[in-house]
C-alpha cells in the first residue's frame, strides 16, 4: 500500500499535469448559473416561513428591513465580484480569499464556507422532512421522517453526481414553481385589499429603528448563499461574465421578491384577528382566509420543492469546495476525484450528501425535533457565512492593491460591507446587558462554541498538513495564481 506522502504526491502530479479540474467545462448557461445562487437563498421560503419573525420586531418597517438587507448584501457582492470578474474555479470564495489574505485565511474560509453550505443543506432537509411528513399525512400516508430524510438526501446526491446541467435545470424548475405560487398569492392578496396603498407602511407608523435593525439580522440570514454560483467557475459558460452577474442579480432579484411579499403580507393581515408576528405559516393562513385553499396547497408543494432545491444546491456547492480543497492537497485526495463520464465531483457529492443526512438523523434519534434541528442548523450555518463575507470584504481591497487596481470606491465598499456584517454578528452572539441584541439563551448560546471548535479542528488539520507536506501551500497558491493568469488572457486590456 502506498503511504500518505506517495498518494499526496500522486494527486499533486495529476493536478499539475492537467492544469485544470476534471469537471465538465463551459456547459452551464447564465440562467442555470443564476439558479444555483437563487436556490441556496430559496427566496420562496422566507415569506412562507420567517416573515412573521421579522414583522415581530420591525412591524410596518418589515419591507425596509428587507431593503436595507439587500443593500448590505449588494455591498458584499461588489467585493465578491472584484475577484469573480478576474478568475473562476470550483473553489468559490475560498480561492478568492487566498488571493487577498493569504493561504491560512483562505483555507480557513474554505472550512467555514463548506460548513455553511453543509449546515444550510441540513436545515432545509429538516424543512423538507417537516413539510413532506405533514402533506403525506393529509392523504393517509405515514412515513418515518428518517425515511424522508434519507430519500431526499439520496435523491439530491444522485442528481448532483449525475449531471451538473440536470441539477441546475431541476433547481430552476423547483424554485421557479415555488416562486410562481408565492407571487400569484401576493397579487391576489393585494387585489383582495383593493390595490390600496398602505400609508402606514410607507410612513413607517409605529416603527422603531432598533426593531428594524433586529429585523435586518434575520433578513441577512435569508440572503445567505447568494455567492454559491462562484463554485461553478469551472462549469459555467463565460464565467467571468455570468458568475458576477448571477452573484449580484441573485441578491437584487431575491431582495425585490422579499420587499414585495413583505408589503403585501403585512397589508393582508391588517383588519384580521390573526397576529402576523406569531404566524408560523402566514401565506397558508392568508390563502385560506381569502378562500384560496387550493393555492395554499400549491404553495405548500412549492415550498417543499424549494426546500429540496436548496438541499440539492447546498450539496452541490459543498462538494465543489471540498473537491477543490482535496485537489489542492488540503484534505483527503480521494475527495478530489471526478467521474470520468459525468464530469462531476461524485465522491465529494456522496460525502456531502451522507453528512447532510447523518447529522439531522442523529439529532432526531437523540430526541431533537426536526423543527428544532432546522433552527439549530440554520443558526450554525450563519456563523460560516458571516466569517466568509467579512473575510472576502477585507480581502478585496488588499487583492486590488496587489494588482495595482485599488480605488477609493473599492475601499468604501469594503469598509461598508464589513460594518454592515457586524449587525448579524451582534444579533447572533449578542451583547451582555443589551436589550437590543441580548445574548441568546440555552441551547443557542452554545452554538458559537460548536463553530469555534470546528474551526479550531480545521486550523489544527492545516498545521498538520503543512508540517507533513511543506510544499503543499506553495503549490496551492501557485495553482490559484496560474488559474487567474489563464483567465487574464481572456480579458480585454482595460
Foldseek 3Di string as FASTA:
>chain_A
DDDPVVLLVVLLVVCVVVLAALFAFAADELLLLLLLLLLLLLLLVCLFFPLLQLCLQFPLCLLVLLVVLLVLLLLLLVLLLLVQLQFAALQFLLLLLCLQPNNLLSLLLLLLQLLLLLLSLLLLLLVLLVLVQVVCVVVPDHDDSLVSSVVLLVVLLCQQQQASSSLSVLSCVLSVLLLVLLVVLLVVLCVVVVVDDDVCSVVSPPGDPLSSLLSNLVSNLSSPRLLLSSSCRRYHRPRSPSNSCSSSVSSVVSSVSSSSSSRSLSVSCPPPPDRSNPDRGSSCVSCVVVPNNVSSVSNSSSSSSSSSSSSSSSLNSSLSSQLLCLSLVLDPVLQVDGDNPRSGSSVSSVVSSVVSSVVLVVCVVVPHRSNVSSVLSSLLSVVSRLSSSLSSLSRSQSSCVVVVNHDPVSVVSSVSSNVSSVSNVCQQQHDDPDPSRHGDDPPSNCSVVVNVVSSVVSSVSNVVSCVVPVCSSVSSSVSSVVSSVVSVVVDDDD
